[in-house]
Amino acid sequence: EPVVTSIGSFGATGASIEANLKIADSDPNNPFHHQYHPQHRYPKPGENFPDWTIDWNMEFTFTADPPDGVNTAGWGDTQLGGTYRQEIEGLANDTIVAGGYFKLQRASPVPVLNDGVTN
């Protein structure tokens, strides 16, 4: 189960959302295990194989201005964004670190979908 933590009000400058996703070695969604390389298969009972559990940490931090420096109509109203950073442990000897920018576009100002609609 992913663990999501919110720090501050969603979309407020400096507020952040942190998420941690742990993918167990035995999870069928673990991307390390596949049929194209014999060392990347699931181990048989009793076999001594490395543990390929993946620990994926993500952090999204909202900024007052577009993080790429491009002024966009609707920024702060229909658009929010900021910086993104992730760390992935378990796929390599060293922790993989990546980051960049993210933007969210509001699809609709309607607070409740299908409000008052009955079947």
C-alpha atoms as a PDB file:
ATOM      1  CA  GLU A   1       0.000   0.000   0.000  1.00  0.00           C
ATOM      2  CA  PRO A   2       1.358   3.444  -0.885  1.00  0.00           C
ATOM      3  CA  VAL A   3       1.861   5.830   2.024  1.00  0.00           C
ATOM      4  CA  VAL A   4       0.958   9.458   1.187  1.00  0.00           C
ATOM      5  CA  THR A   5       1.678  12.394   3.501  1.00  0.00           C
ATOM      6  CA  SER A   6       0.524  15.974   2.923  1.00  0.00           C
ATOM      7  CA  ILE A   7       2.413  18.859   4.536  1.00  0.00           C
ATOM      8  CA  GLY A   8       0.516  22.175   4.389  1.00  0.00           C
ATOM      9  CA  SER A   9      -2.575  23.054   2.346  1.00  0.00           C
ATOM     10  CA  PHE A  10      -2.797  21.415  -1.070  1.00  0.00           C
ATOM     11  CA  GLY A  11      -1.410  23.796  -3.704  1.00  0.00           C
ATOM     12  CA  ALA A  12      -0.174  26.425  -1.231  1.00  0.00           C
ATOM     13  CA  THR A  13       3.333  27.760  -1.805  1.00  0.00           C
ATOM     14  CA  GLY A  14       5.811  25.560   0.031  1.00  0.00           C
ATOM     15  CA  ALA A  15       3.255  22.833   0.737  1.00  0.00           C
ATOM     16  CA  SER A  16       4.307  19.354  -0.285  1.00  0.00           C
ATOM     17  CA  ILE A  17       3.000  15.883  -0.879  1.00  0.00           C
ATOM     18  CA  GLU A  18       5.249  12.951  -0.079  1.00  0.00           C
ATOM     19  CA  ALA A  19       4.563   9.407  -1.212  1.00  0.00           C
ATOM     20  CA  ASN A  20       6.325   6.133  -0.515  1.00  0.00           C
ATOM     21  CA  LEU A  21       5.674   3.019  -2.537  1.00  0.00           C
ATOM     22  CA  LYS A  22       7.296  -0.243  -1.512  1.00  0.00           C
ATOM     23  CA  ILE A  23       7.175  -3.029  -4.112  1.00  0.00           C
ATOM     24  CA  ALA A  24       8.053  -6.356  -2.509  1.00  0.00           C
ATOM     25  CA  ASP A  25      10.374  -8.787  -4.260  1.00  0.00           C
ATOM     26  CA  SER A  26       7.500 -11.266  -4.516  1.00  0.00           C
ATOM     27  CA  ASP A  27       5.028  -8.696  -5.920  1.00  0.00           C
ATOM     28  CA  PRO A  28       3.915  -9.610  -9.465  1.00  0.00           C
ATOM     29  CA  ASN A  29       4.232  -5.897 -10.361  1.00  0.00           C
ATOM     30  CA  ASN A  30       7.927  -5.754  -9.437  1.00  0.00           C
ATOM     31  CA  PRO A  31       9.542  -4.515 -12.688  1.00  0.00           C
ATOM     32  CA  PHE A  32      12.840  -6.276 -11.971  1.00  0.00           C
ATOM     33  CA  HIS A  33      11.344  -9.710 -12.569  1.00  0.00           C
ATOM     34  CA  HIS A  34      10.699 -10.586 -16.205  1.00  0.00           C
ATOM     35  CA  GLN A  35      11.128 -13.491 -18.605  1.00  0.00           C
ATOM     36  CA  TYR A  36      13.875 -11.997 -20.789  1.00  0.00           C
ATOM     37  CA  HIS A  37      16.858 -12.562 -18.467  1.00  0.00           C
ATOM     38  CA  PRO A  38      17.390 -15.770 -16.464  1.00  0.00           C
ATOM     39  CA  GLN A  39      18.679 -13.911 -13.393  1.00  0.00           C
ATOM     40  CA  HIS A  40      15.566 -11.727 -13.274  1.00  0.00           C
ATOM     41  CA  ARG A  41      13.058 -14.529 -12.736  1.00  0.00           C
ATOM     42  CA  TYR A  42      11.259 -15.236  -9.473  1.00  0.00           C
ATOM     43  CA  PRO A  43      13.313 -17.635  -7.317  1.00  0.00           C
ATOM     44  CA  LYS A  44      12.115 -21.150  -6.663  1.00  0.00           C
ATOM     45  CA  PRO A  45      11.485 -22.172  -3.031  1.00  0.00           C
ATOM     46  CA  GLY A  46      14.797 -22.735  -1.254  1.00  0.00           C
ATOM     47  CA  GLU A  47      16.895 -20.874  -3.864  1.00  0.00           C
ATOM     48  CA  ASN A  48      19.226 -18.177  -2.583  1.00  0.00           C
ATOM     49  CA  PHE A  49      18.466 -15.054  -4.639  1.00  0.00           C
ATOM     50  CA  PRO A  50      18.985 -11.369  -3.828  1.00  0.00           C
ATOM     51  CA  ASP A  51      15.985  -9.475  -2.472  1.00  0.00           C
ATOM     52  CA  TRP A  52      14.804  -7.067  -5.190  1.00  0.00           C
ATOM     53  CA  THR A  53      12.352  -5.125  -3.019  1.00  0.00           C
ATOM     54  CA  ILE A  54      11.970  -1.600  -4.405  1.00  0.00           C
ATOM     55  CA  ASP A  55      11.536   1.427  -2.137  1.00  0.00           C
ATOM     56  CA  TRP A  56      10.292   4.437  -4.133  1.00  0.00           C
ATOM     57  CA  ASN A  57      10.066   7.840  -2.410  1.00  0.00           C
ATOM     58  CA  MET A  58       8.501  10.817  -4.192  1.00  0.00           C
ATOM     59  CA  GLU A  59       8.094  14.438  -3.116  1.00  0.00           C
ATOM     60  CA  PHE A  60       6.050  17.144  -4.857  1.00  0.00           C
ATOM     61  CA  THR A  61       6.590  20.707  -3.552  1.00  0.00           C
ATOM     62  CA  PHE A  62       4.313  23.519  -4.748  1.00  0.00           C
ATOM     63  CA  THR A  63       5.824  26.846  -5.853  1.00  0.00           C
ATOM     64  CA  ALA A  64       4.287  30.339  -6.155  1.00  0.00           C
ATOM     65  CA  ASP A  65       5.528  30.773  -9.730  1.00  0.00           C
ATOM     66  CA  PRO A  66       5.836  28.286 -12.590  1.00  0.00           C
ATOM     67  CA  PRO A  67       9.005  26.297 -11.801  1.00  0.00           C
ATOM     68  CA  ASP A  68      10.176  26.356 -15.420  1.00  0.00           C
ATOM     69  CA  GLY A  69      10.086  30.189 -15.413  1.00  0.00           C
ATOM     70  CA  VAL A  70       7.473  30.392 -18.181  1.00  0.00           C
ATOM     71  CA  ASN A  71       4.563  32.618 -17.166  1.00  0.00           C
ATOM     72  CA  THR A  72       1.353  30.766 -17.913  1.00  0.00           C
ATOM     73  CA  ALA A  73      -2.177  32.181 -17.989  1.00  0.00           C
ATOM     74  CA  GLY A  74      -4.133  30.645 -15.134  1.00  0.00           C
ATOM     75  CA  TRP A  75      -1.152  29.924 -12.901  1.00  0.00           C
ATOM     76  CA  GLY A  76      -2.363  29.748  -9.298  1.00  0.00           C
ATOM     77  CA  ASP A  77      -5.998  29.531 -10.408  1.00  0.00           C
ATOM     78  CA  THR A  78      -6.522  26.700 -12.889  1.00  0.00           C
ATOM     79  CA  GLN A  79      -2.887  25.575 -12.859  1.00  0.00           C
ATOM     80  CA  LEU A  80      -0.611  24.590  -9.984  1.00  0.00           C
ATOM     81  CA  GLY A  81       2.803  22.998  -9.935  1.00  0.00           C
ATOM     82  CA  GLY A  82       6.260  22.967  -8.526  1.00  0.00           C
ATOM     83  CA  THR A  83       9.285  20.748  -8.164  1.00  0.00           C
ATOM     84  CA  TYR A  84       9.444  16.972  -8.101  1.00  0.00           C
ATOM     85  CA  ARG A  85      12.088  14.705  -6.585  1.00  0.00           C
ATOM     86  CA  GLN A  86      12.239  10.932  -6.353  1.00  0.00           C
ATOM     87  CA  GLU A  87      14.608   8.371  -4.873  1.00  0.00           C
ATOM     88  CA  ILE A  88      14.493   4.706  -5.837  1.00  0.00           C
ATOM     89  CA  GLU A  89      16.325   2.098  -3.787  1.00  0.00           C
ATOM     90  CA  GLY A  90      16.635  -1.572  -4.640  1.00  0.00           C
ATOM     91  CA  LEU A  91      17.175  -1.548  -8.407  1.00  0.00           C
ATOM     92  CA  ALA A  92      20.886  -0.709  -8.291  1.00  0.00           C
ATOM     93  CA  ASN A  93      23.730  -0.652  -5.780  1.00  0.00           C
ATOM     94  CA  ASP A  94      23.331   3.118  -5.429  1.00  0.00           C
ATOM     95  CA  THR A  95      20.129   5.037  -4.812  1.00  0.00           C
ATOM     96  CA  ILE A  96      18.686   6.435  -8.049  1.00  0.00           C
ATOM     97  CA  VAL A  97      17.787  10.131  -7.662  1.00  0.00           C
ATOM     98  CA  ALA A  98      15.792  12.112 -10.230  1.00  0.00           C
ATOM     99  CA  GLY A  99      13.793  15.299 -10.237  1.00  0.00           C
ATOM    100  CA  GLY A 100      12.166  17.975 -12.300  1.00  0.00           C
ATOM    101  CA  TYR A 101       8.997  20.030 -12.570  1.00  0.00           C
ATOM    102  CA  PHE A 102       5.327  19.126 -12.471  1.00  0.00           C
ATOM    103  CA  LYS A 103       2.157  20.989 -13.473  1.00  0.00           C
ATOM    104  CA  LEU A 104      -1.456  20.190 -12.617  1.00  0.00           C
ATOM    105  CA  GLN A 105      -4.313  21.529 -14.755  1.00  0.00           C
ATOM    106  CA  ARG A 106      -7.779  21.871 -13.212  1.00  0.00           C
ATOM    107  CA  ALA A 107     -10.235  19.989 -15.414  1.00  0.00           C
ATOM    108  CA  SER A 108     -13.436  21.462 -13.968  1.00  0.00           C
ATOM    109  CA  PRO A 109     -14.429  23.892 -11.206  1.00  0.00           C
ATOM    110  CA  VAL A 110     -17.412  21.680 -10.300  1.00  0.00           C
ATOM    111  CA  PRO A 111     -16.890  20.588  -6.656  1.00  0.00           C
ATOM    112  CA  VAL A 112     -19.014  17.404  -6.883  1.00  0.00           C
ATOM    113  CA  LEU A 113     -19.449  15.293 -10.002  1.00  0.00           C
ATOM    114  CA  ASN A 114     -23.019  14.165 -10.767  1.00  0.00           C
ATOM    115  CA  ASP A 115     -24.363  16.195  -7.836  1.00  0.00           C
ATOM    116  CA  GLY A 116     -28.093  15.546  -7.544  1.00  0.00           C
ATOM    117  CA  VAL A 117     -28.178  13.064 -10.404  1.00  0.00           C
ATOM    118  CA  THR A 118     -30.030   9.862  -9.586  1.00  0.00           C
ATOM    119  CA  ASN A 119     -30.185   6.608 -11.490  1.00  0.00           C
END
